[in-house]
Amino acid sequence: METSVTVVDKSKDPDLPLPTDPPTGDTPLPISHALEYLADALAEQGKTAEAGAVFEKLGQSHDRMRAGYWEFRKRQLVA
């Protein structure tokens, strides 16, 4: 069974974003996982204030459904 791969030439369709193009503000991405990873990395480096700010931003704007969880993660940083 053969599989085919389609290669898109950006010069022929300039409306397609390149992987390096930043997503627009209305792009529905699951960025909560990436931000949690960032906060964990900052916490491991001892940058607890920055990590807390990321957790706060998660709870206030990016993942409000789990705002309580992000507040819990933020409080864990000072414990």
C-alpha atoms as a PDB file:
ATOM      1  CA  MET A   1       0.000   0.000   0.000  1.00  0.00           C
ATOM      2  CA  GLU A   2       1.470   3.308  -1.062  1.00  0.00           C
ATOM      3  CA  THR A   3       1.101   6.556   0.819  1.00  0.00           C
ATOM      4  CA  SER A   4       1.571   9.891  -0.813  1.00  0.00           C
ATOM      5  CA  VAL A   5       2.906  13.071   0.722  1.00  0.00           C
ATOM      6  CA  THR A   6       1.762  16.447  -0.519  1.00  0.00           C
ATOM      7  CA  VAL A   7       4.333  19.211  -0.427  1.00  0.00           C
ATOM      8  CA  VAL A   8       2.913  22.726  -0.404  1.00  0.00           C
ATOM      9  CA  ASP A   9       4.938  25.474  -2.000  1.00  0.00           C
ATOM     10  CA  LYS A  10       4.524  28.620   0.125  1.00  0.00           C
ATOM     11  CA  SER A  11       5.182  30.816  -2.902  1.00  0.00           C
ATOM     12  CA  LYS A  12       2.120  29.362  -4.638  1.00  0.00           C
ATOM     13  CA  ASP A  13      -0.225  29.788  -1.648  1.00  0.00           C
ATOM     14  CA  PRO A  14       0.956  32.684   0.523  1.00  0.00           C
ATOM     15  CA  ASP A  15      -2.088  32.394   2.829  1.00  0.00           C
ATOM     16  CA  LEU A  16      -0.783  29.213   4.424  1.00  0.00           C
ATOM     17  CA  PRO A  17       1.180  29.989   7.585  1.00  0.00           C
ATOM     18  CA  LEU A  18       4.684  28.696   8.003  1.00  0.00           C
ATOM     19  CA  PRO A  19       5.434  26.777  11.205  1.00  0.00           C
ATOM     20  CA  THR A  20       7.565  29.695  12.365  1.00  0.00           C
ATOM     21  CA  ASP A  21       4.696  32.187  11.999  1.00  0.00           C
ATOM     22  CA  PRO A  22       3.322  33.082  15.445  1.00  0.00           C
ATOM     23  CA  PRO A  23      -0.318  32.108  15.985  1.00  0.00           C
ATOM     24  CA  THR A  24      -2.847  34.898  16.013  1.00  0.00           C
ATOM     25  CA  GLY A  25      -4.682  35.791  19.207  1.00  0.00           C
ATOM     26  CA  ASP A  26      -7.835  33.989  18.121  1.00  0.00           C
ATOM     27  CA  THR A  27      -6.112  30.701  17.293  1.00  0.00           C
ATOM     28  CA  PRO A  28      -7.644  27.938  19.445  1.00  0.00           C
ATOM     29  CA  LEU A  29      -4.566  26.093  20.613  1.00  0.00           C
ATOM     30  CA  PRO A  30      -4.173  23.897  23.685  1.00  0.00           C
ATOM     31  CA  ILE A  31      -1.517  26.226  25.018  1.00  0.00           C
ATOM     32  CA  SER A  32      -2.304  25.455  28.641  1.00  0.00           C
ATOM     33  CA  HIS A  33      -0.011  22.425  28.420  1.00  0.00           C
ATOM     34  CA  ALA A  34       2.834  24.514  27.024  1.00  0.00           C
ATOM     35  CA  LEU A  35       2.346  27.213  29.643  1.00  0.00           C
ATOM     36  CA  GLU A  36       2.252  24.641  32.435  1.00  0.00           C
ATOM     37  CA  TYR A  37       5.518  23.202  31.092  1.00  0.00           C
ATOM     38  CA  LEU A  38       7.003  26.709  31.044  1.00  0.00           C
ATOM     39  CA  ALA A  39       5.897  27.358  34.627  1.00  0.00           C
ATOM     40  CA  ASP A  40       7.340  24.041  35.788  1.00  0.00           C
ATOM     41  CA  ALA A  41      10.645  24.808  34.066  1.00  0.00           C
ATOM     42  CA  LEU A  42      10.764  28.258  35.666  1.00  0.00           C
ATOM     43  CA  ALA A  43      10.021  26.749  39.082  1.00  0.00           C
ATOM     44  CA  GLU A  44      12.843  24.214  38.662  1.00  0.00           C
ATOM     45  CA  GLN A  45      15.204  27.099  37.899  1.00  0.00           C
ATOM     46  CA  GLY A  46      14.148  28.815  41.117  1.00  0.00           C
ATOM     47  CA  LYS A  47      12.199  31.543  39.334  1.00  0.00           C
ATOM     48  CA  THR A  48       9.090  31.085  41.450  1.00  0.00           C
ATOM     49  CA  ALA A  49       7.747  34.601  40.901  1.00  0.00           C
ATOM     50  CA  GLU A  50       7.748  34.130  37.122  1.00  0.00           C
ATOM     51  CA  ALA A  51       6.271  30.638  37.443  1.00  0.00           C
ATOM     52  CA  GLY A  52       3.533  31.993  39.694  1.00  0.00           C
ATOM     53  CA  ALA A  53       2.725  34.662  37.126  1.00  0.00           C
ATOM     54  CA  VAL A  54       2.350  31.991  34.439  1.00  0.00           C
ATOM     55  CA  PHE A  55       0.024  29.934  36.660  1.00  0.00           C
ATOM     56  CA  GLU A  56      -1.975  33.089  37.403  1.00  0.00           C
ATOM     57  CA  LYS A  57      -2.284  33.881  33.702  1.00  0.00           C
ATOM     58  CA  LEU A  58      -3.434  30.329  33.062  1.00  0.00           C
ATOM     59  CA  GLY A  59      -6.217  30.655  35.615  1.00  0.00           C
ATOM     60  CA  GLN A  60      -7.309  34.129  34.563  1.00  0.00           C
ATOM     61  CA  SER A  61      -7.280  33.959  30.791  1.00  0.00           C
ATOM     62  CA  HIS A  62      -6.087  30.762  29.121  1.00  0.00           C
ATOM     63  CA  ASP A  63      -7.721  27.971  31.131  1.00  0.00           C
ATOM     64  CA  ARG A  64     -10.378  29.498  33.353  1.00  0.00           C
ATOM     65  CA  MET A  65     -12.191  26.183  33.726  1.00  0.00           C
ATOM     66  CA  ARG A  66      -9.356  24.953  35.940  1.00  0.00           C
ATOM     67  CA  ALA A  67      -8.689  28.275  37.684  1.00  0.00           C
ATOM     68  CA  GLY A  68      -8.775  26.566  41.079  1.00  0.00           C
ATOM     69  CA  TYR A  69      -6.151  24.068  39.992  1.00  0.00           C
ATOM     70  CA  TRP A  70      -3.846  26.800  38.693  1.00  0.00           C
ATOM     71  CA  GLU A  71      -4.256  28.713  41.959  1.00  0.00           C
ATOM     72  CA  PHE A  72      -3.339  25.496  43.811  1.00  0.00           C
ATOM     73  CA  ARG A  73      -0.226  25.091  41.628  1.00  0.00           C
ATOM     74  CA  LYS A  74       0.711  28.716  42.305  1.00  0.00           C
ATOM     75  CA  ARG A  75       0.360  28.226  46.073  1.00  0.00           C
ATOM     76  CA  GLN A  76       2.525  25.096  45.877  1.00  0.00           C
ATOM     77  CA  LEU A  77       5.438  27.256  44.755  1.00  0.00           C
ATOM     78  CA  VAL A  78       5.696  28.989  48.135  1.00  0.00           C
ATOM     79  CA  ALA A  79       5.031  25.886  50.218  1.00  0.00           C
END
